[in-house]
Amino acid sequence: MRRIEVDVALTTFCDPGGLSGFFRARLAAQERGVSLYLVRVPPYLGRLLDTTGLRPLLYLRKDPP
């Protein structure tokens, strides 16, 4: 396995625990040589990732391949 894609299109709320979960999942995947992508990120979540500075630390895809 080289990549994990998490479709977050239906996510309507994300608190600090959710952000932490995304980041910890990314670190765990990276330790195993796997890339973790957030797919179909809703605008509010994109803004939240920008505001918290997490966007550059997470891989985002607009649409699944």
PDB file of N, CA and C in Angstrom:
ATOM      1  N   MET A   1       0.847  -1.160   0.000  1.00  0.00           N
ATOM      2  CA  MET A   1       0.000   0.000   0.000  1.00  0.00           C
ATOM      3  C   MET A   1       0.903   1.236   0.000  1.00  0.00           C
ATOM      4  N   ARG A   2       0.594   2.159  -0.866  1.00  0.00           N
ATOM      5  CA  ARG A   2       1.396   3.377  -0.977  1.00  0.00           C
ATOM      6  C   ARG A   2       0.649   4.630  -0.565  1.00  0.00           C
ATOM      7  N   ARG A   3      -0.698   4.531  -0.557  1.00  0.00           N
ATOM      8  CA  ARG A   3      -1.470   5.745  -0.308  1.00  0.00           C
ATOM      9  C   ARG A   3      -2.795   5.386   0.367  1.00  0.00           C
ATOM     10  N   ILE A   4      -3.189   6.228   1.306  1.00  0.00           N
ATOM     11  CA  ILE A   4      -4.500   6.145   1.929  1.00  0.00           C
ATOM     12  C   ILE A   4      -5.225   7.443   1.599  1.00  0.00           C
ATOM     13  N   GLU A   5      -6.471   7.330   1.140  1.00  0.00           N
ATOM     14  CA  GLU A   5      -7.270   8.505   0.845  1.00  0.00           C
ATOM     15  C   GLU A   5      -8.481   8.539   1.768  1.00  0.00           C
ATOM     16  N   VAL A   6      -8.651   9.651   2.461  1.00  0.00           N
ATOM     17  CA  VAL A   6      -9.777   9.843   3.368  1.00  0.00           C
ATOM     18  C   VAL A   6     -10.691  10.893   2.749  1.00  0.00           C
ATOM     19  N   ASP A   7     -11.876  10.452   2.314  1.00  0.00           N
ATOM     20  CA  ASP A   7     -12.846  11.362   1.704  1.00  0.00           C
ATOM     21  C   ASP A   7     -13.574  12.108   2.822  1.00  0.00           C
ATOM     22  N   VAL A   8     -13.351  13.396   2.898  1.00  0.00           N
ATOM     23  CA  VAL A   8     -13.939  14.213   3.963  1.00  0.00           C
ATOM     24  C   VAL A   8     -15.050  15.126   3.445  1.00  0.00           C
ATOM     25  N   ALA A   9     -15.578  14.818   2.266  1.00  0.00           N
ATOM     26  CA  ALA A   9     -16.586  15.672   1.632  1.00  0.00           C
ATOM     27  C   ALA A   9     -17.823  15.869   2.501  1.00  0.00           C
ATOM     28  N   LEU A  10     -18.218  14.845   3.244  1.00  0.00           N
ATOM     29  CA  LEU A  10     -19.435  14.951   4.055  1.00  0.00           C
ATOM     30  C   LEU A  10     -19.175  15.426   5.472  1.00  0.00           C
ATOM     31  N   THR A  11     -17.955  15.808   5.763  1.00  0.00           N
ATOM     32  CA  THR A  11     -17.608  16.327   7.085  1.00  0.00           C
ATOM     33  C   THR A  11     -18.221  17.711   7.247  1.00  0.00           C
ATOM     34  N   THR A  12     -18.991  17.896   8.308  1.00  0.00           N
ATOM     35  CA  THR A  12     -19.631  19.197   8.539  1.00  0.00           C
ATOM     36  C   THR A  12     -19.076  19.920   9.759  1.00  0.00           C
ATOM     37  N   PHE A  13     -18.228  19.236  10.524  1.00  0.00           N
ATOM     38  CA  PHE A  13     -17.668  19.831  11.735  1.00  0.00           C
ATOM     39  C   PHE A  13     -16.318  19.179  12.010  1.00  0.00           C
ATOM     40  N   CYS A  14     -15.365  19.972  12.454  1.00  0.00           N
ATOM     41  CA  CYS A  14     -14.063  19.436  12.828  1.00  0.00           C
ATOM     42  C   CYS A  14     -13.515  20.279  13.974  1.00  0.00           C
ATOM     43  N   ASP A  15     -13.355  19.647  15.129  1.00  0.00           N
ATOM     44  CA  ASP A  15     -12.828  20.354  16.290  1.00  0.00           C
ATOM     45  C   ASP A  15     -11.330  20.046  16.427  1.00  0.00           C
ATOM     46  N   PRO A  16     -10.670  20.559  17.454  1.00  0.00           N
ATOM     47  CA  PRO A  16      -9.232  20.292  17.609  1.00  0.00           C
ATOM     48  C   PRO A  16      -8.894  18.803  17.664  1.00  0.00           C
ATOM     49  N   GLY A  17      -9.791  17.998  18.230  1.00  0.00           N
ATOM     50  CA  GLY A  17      -9.550  16.555  18.267  1.00  0.00           C
ATOM     51  C   GLY A  17      -9.522  15.954  16.866  1.00  0.00           C
ATOM     52  N   GLY A  18     -10.396  16.444  15.994  1.00  0.00           N
ATOM     53  CA  GLY A  18     -10.414  15.967  14.608  1.00  0.00           C
ATOM     54  C   GLY A  18      -9.150  16.377  13.860  1.00  0.00           C
ATOM     55  N   LEU A  19      -8.730  17.627  14.049  1.00  0.00           N
ATOM     56  CA  LEU A  19      -7.501  18.092  13.412  1.00  0.00           C
ATOM     57  C   LEU A  19      -6.306  17.281  13.897  1.00  0.00           C
ATOM     58  N   SER A  20      -6.268  17.038  15.182  1.00  0.00           N
ATOM     59  CA  SER A  20      -5.192  16.229  15.752  1.00  0.00           C
ATOM     60  C   SER A  20      -5.217  14.818  15.173  1.00  0.00           C
ATOM     61  N   GLY A  21      -6.401  14.268  15.013  1.00  0.00           N
ATOM     62  CA  GLY A  21      -6.532  12.934  14.435  1.00  0.00           C
ATOM     63  C   GLY A  21      -6.005  12.858  13.021  1.00  0.00           C
ATOM     64  N   PHE A  22      -6.333  13.870  12.205  1.00  0.00           N
ATOM     65  CA  PHE A  22      -5.800  13.901  10.837  1.00  0.00           C
ATOM     66  C   PHE A  22      -4.274  13.941  10.860  1.00  0.00           C
ATOM     67  N   PHE A  23      -3.722  14.788  11.720  1.00  0.00           N
ATOM     68  CA  PHE A  23      -2.271  14.940  11.758  1.00  0.00           C
ATOM     69  C   PHE A  23      -1.586  13.683  12.295  1.00  0.00           C
ATOM     70  N   ARG A  24      -2.141  13.088  13.341  1.00  0.00           N
ATOM     71  CA  ARG A  24      -1.551  11.856  13.882  1.00  0.00           C
ATOM     72  C   ARG A  24      -1.643  10.712  12.876  1.00  0.00           C
ATOM     73  N   ALA A  25      -2.743  10.646  12.142  1.00  0.00           N
ATOM     74  CA  ALA A  25      -2.880   9.609  11.111  1.00  0.00           C
ATOM     75  C   ALA A  25      -1.840   9.814  10.017  1.00  0.00           C
ATOM     76  N   ARG A  26      -1.606  11.067   9.665  1.00  0.00           N
ATOM     77  CA  ARG A  26      -0.594  11.367   8.648  1.00  0.00           C
ATOM     78  C   ARG A  26       0.789  10.932   9.120  1.00  0.00           C
ATOM     79  N   LEU A  27       1.114  11.214  10.390  1.00  0.00           N
ATOM     80  CA  LEU A  27       2.417  10.820  10.929  1.00  0.00           C
ATOM     81  C   LEU A  27       2.562   9.297  10.985  1.00  0.00           C
ATOM     82  N   ALA A  28       1.507   8.610  11.410  1.00  0.00           N
ATOM     83  CA  ALA A  28       1.550   7.142  11.477  1.00  0.00           C
ATOM     84  C   ALA A  28       1.732   6.548  10.082  1.00  0.00           C
ATOM     85  N   ALA A  29       1.033   7.095   9.108  1.00  0.00           N
ATOM     86  CA  ALA A  29       1.173   6.606   7.734  1.00  0.00           C
ATOM     87  C   ALA A  29       2.589   6.865   7.220  1.00  0.00           C
ATOM     88  N   GLN A  30       3.090   8.072   7.485  1.00  0.00           N
ATOM     89  CA  GLN A  30       4.435   8.439   7.029  1.00  0.00           C
ATOM     90  C   GLN A  30       5.489   7.507   7.622  1.00  0.00           C
ATOM     91  N   GLU A  31       5.337   7.139   8.876  1.00  0.00           N
ATOM     92  CA  GLU A  31       6.288   6.218   9.513  1.00  0.00           C
ATOM     93  C   GLU A  31       6.332   4.871   8.809  1.00  0.00           C
ATOM     94  N   ARG A  32       5.259   4.527   8.119  1.00  0.00           N
ATOM     95  CA  ARG A  32       5.171   3.250   7.410  1.00  0.00           C
ATOM     96  C   ARG A  32       5.402   3.395   5.913  1.00  0.00           C
ATOM     97  N   GLY A  33       5.820   4.596   5.506  1.00  0.00           N
ATOM     98  CA  GLY A  33       6.114   4.832   4.097  1.00  0.00           C
ATOM     99  C   GLY A  33       4.884   4.972   3.230  1.00  0.00           C
ATOM    100  N   VAL A  34       3.776   5.379   3.847  1.00  0.00           N
ATOM    101  CA  VAL A  34       2.503   5.522   3.136  1.00  0.00           C
ATOM    102  C   VAL A  34       2.083   6.985   3.181  1.00  0.00           C
ATOM    103  N   SER A  35       1.542   7.499   2.078  1.00  0.00           N
ATOM    104  CA  SER A  35       1.029   8.861   2.048  1.00  0.00           C
ATOM    105  C   SER A  35      -0.444   8.849   2.413  1.00  0.00           C
ATOM    106  N   LEU A  36      -0.867   9.812   3.231  1.00  0.00           N
ATOM    107  CA  LEU A  36      -2.269   9.949   3.599  1.00  0.00           C
ATOM    108  C   LEU A  36      -2.798  11.229   2.976  1.00  0.00           C
ATOM    109  N   TYR A  37      -3.875  11.120   2.213  1.00  0.00           N
ATOM    110  CA  TYR A  37      -4.476  12.265   1.535  1.00  0.00           C
ATOM    111  C   TYR A  37      -5.870  12.525   2.086  1.00  0.00           C
ATOM    112  N   LEU A  38      -6.203  13.778   2.287  1.00  0.00           N
ATOM    113  CA  LEU A  38      -7.581  14.182   2.535  1.00  0.00           C
ATOM    114  C   LEU A  38      -8.160  14.551   1.175  1.00  0.00           C
ATOM    115  N   VAL A  39      -9.271  13.908   0.819  1.00  0.00           N
ATOM    116  CA  VAL A  39      -9.868  14.068  -0.508  1.00  0.00           C
ATOM    117  C   VAL A  39     -11.194  14.804  -0.385  1.00  0.00           C
ATOM    118  N   ARG A  40     -11.471  15.656  -1.367  1.00  0.00           N
ATOM    119  CA  ARG A  40     -12.715  16.423  -1.454  1.00  0.00           C
ATOM    120  C   ARG A  40     -12.953  17.219  -0.173  1.00  0.00           C
ATOM    121  N   VAL A  41     -11.948  18.019   0.157  1.00  0.00           N
ATOM    122  CA  VAL A  41     -11.978  18.836   1.380  1.00  0.00           C
ATOM    123  C   VAL A  41     -12.991  19.971   1.209  1.00  0.00           C
ATOM    124  N   PRO A  42     -13.998  20.053   2.089  1.00  0.00           N
ATOM    125  CA  PRO A  42     -14.962  21.146   1.993  1.00  0.00           C
ATOM    126  C   PRO A  42     -14.301  22.493   2.297  1.00  0.00           C
ATOM    127  N   PRO A  43     -14.861  23.573   1.756  1.00  0.00           N
ATOM    128  CA  PRO A  43     -14.249  24.904   1.952  1.00  0.00           C
ATOM    129  C   PRO A  43     -13.996  25.256   3.414  1.00  0.00           C
ATOM    130  N   TYR A  44     -14.946  24.963   4.300  1.00  0.00           N
ATOM    131  CA  TYR A  44     -14.748  25.342   5.705  1.00  0.00           C
ATOM    132  C   TYR A  44     -13.535  24.628   6.297  1.00  0.00           C
ATOM    133  N   LEU A  45     -13.330  23.362   5.906  1.00  0.00           N
ATOM    134  CA  LEU A  45     -12.198  22.603   6.440  1.00  0.00           C
ATOM    135  C   LEU A  45     -10.887  23.111   5.850  1.00  0.00           C
ATOM    136  N   GLY A  46     -10.910  23.496   4.581  1.00  0.00           N
ATOM    137  CA  GLY A  46      -9.726  24.097   3.966  1.00  0.00           C
ATOM    138  C   GLY A  46      -9.321  25.378   4.681  1.00  0.00           C
ATOM    139  N   ARG A  47     -10.315  26.197   5.004  1.00  0.00           N
ATOM    140  CA  ARG A  47     -10.026  27.444   5.738  1.00  0.00           C
ATOM    141  C   ARG A  47      -9.482  27.142   7.134  1.00  0.00           C
ATOM    142  N   LEU A  48     -10.049  26.139   7.779  1.00  0.00           N
ATOM    143  CA  LEU A  48      -9.585  25.756   9.112  1.00  0.00           C
ATOM    144  C   LEU A  48      -8.143  25.260   9.062  1.00  0.00           C
ATOM    145  N   LEU A  49      -7.813  24.475   8.046  1.00  0.00           N
ATOM    146  CA  LEU A  49      -6.434  23.997   7.887  1.00  0.00           C
ATOM    147  C   LEU A  49      -5.482  25.162   7.625  1.00  0.00           C
ATOM    148  N   ASP A  50      -5.956  26.163   6.865  1.00  0.00           N
ATOM    149  CA  ASP A  50      -5.137  27.361   6.625  1.00  0.00           C
ATOM    150  C   ASP A  50      -4.916  28.136   7.924  1.00  0.00           C
ATOM    151  N   THR A  51      -5.990  28.364   8.651  1.00  0.00           N
ATOM    152  CA  THR A  51      -5.941  29.156   9.882  1.00  0.00           C
ATOM    153  C   THR A  51      -5.015  28.524  10.917  1.00  0.00           C
ATOM    154  N   THR A  52      -5.055  27.201  11.012  1.00  0.00           N
ATOM    155  CA  THR A  52      -4.245  26.506  12.018  1.00  0.00           C
ATOM    156  C   THR A  52      -2.831  26.211  11.536  1.00  0.00           C
ATOM    157  N   GLY A  53      -2.565  26.458  10.251  1.00  0.00           N
ATOM    158  CA  GLY A  53      -1.236  26.194   9.710  1.00  0.00           C
ATOM    159  C   GLY A  53      -0.999  24.731   9.364  1.00  0.00           C
ATOM    160  N   LEU A  54      -2.050  23.923   9.368  1.00  0.00           N
ATOM    161  CA  LEU A  54      -1.887  22.492   9.078  1.00  0.00           C
ATOM    162  C   LEU A  54      -1.901  22.156   7.586  1.00  0.00           C
ATOM    163  N   ARG A  55      -2.422  23.055   6.751  1.00  0.00           N
ATOM    164  CA  ARG A  55      -2.528  22.734   5.325  1.00  0.00           C
ATOM    165  C   ARG A  55      -1.201  22.258   4.724  1.00  0.00           C
ATOM    166  N   PRO A  56      -0.076  22.934   4.978  1.00  0.00           N
ATOM    167  CA  PRO A  56       1.178  22.475   4.362  1.00  0.00           C
ATOM    168  C   PRO A  56       1.658  21.124   4.905  1.00  0.00           C
ATOM    169  N   LEU A  57       1.109  20.697   6.038  1.00  0.00           N
ATOM    170  CA  LEU A  57       1.549  19.452   6.651  1.00  0.00           C
ATOM    171  C   LEU A  57       0.713  18.251   6.225  1.00  0.00           C
ATOM    172  N   LEU A  58      -0.407  18.513   5.541  1.00  0.00           N
ATOM    173  CA  LEU A  58      -1.297  17.446   5.093  1.00  0.00           C
ATOM    174  C   LEU A  58      -1.382  17.453   3.573  1.00  0.00           C
ATOM    175  N   TYR A  59      -1.539  16.275   2.982  1.00  0.00           N
ATOM    176  CA  TYR A  59      -1.738  16.186   1.537  1.00  0.00           C
ATOM    177  C   TYR A  59      -3.226  16.305   1.258  1.00  0.00           C
ATOM    178  N   LEU A  60      -3.588  17.218   0.373  1.00  0.00           N
ATOM    179  CA  LEU A  60      -4.986  17.428   0.010  1.00  0.00           C
ATOM    180  C   LEU A  60      -5.165  17.148  -1.476  1.00  0.00           C
ATOM    181  N   ARG A  61      -6.289  16.507  -1.816  1.00  0.00           N
ATOM    182  CA  ARG A  61      -6.664  16.282  -3.213  1.00  0.00           C
ATOM    183  C   ARG A  61      -8.055  16.822  -3.401  1.00  0.00           C
ATOM    184  N   LYS A  62      -8.266  17.479  -4.548  1.00  0.00           N
ATOM    185  CA  LYS A  62      -9.583  18.032  -4.828  1.00  0.00           C
ATOM    186  C   LYS A  62     -10.588  16.919  -5.084  1.00  0.00           C
ATOM    187  N   ASP A  63     -10.218  15.959  -5.901  1.00  0.00           N
ATOM    188  CA  ASP A  63     -11.100  14.846  -6.253  1.00  0.00           C
ATOM    189  C   ASP A  63     -10.298  13.566  -6.228  1.00  0.00           C
ATOM    190  N   PRO A  64     -10.959  12.433  -5.948  1.00  0.00           N
ATOM    191  CA  PRO A  64     -10.240  11.161  -6.007  1.00  0.00           C
ATOM    192  C   PRO A  64      -9.818  10.866  -7.439  1.00  0.00           C
ATOM    193  N   PRO A  65      -8.738  10.083  -7.629  1.00  0.00           N
ATOM    194  CA  PRO A  65      -8.284   9.790  -8.996  1.00  0.00           C
ATOM    195  C   PRO A  65      -9.277   8.931  -9.748  1.00  0.00           C
TER     196      PRO A  65
END
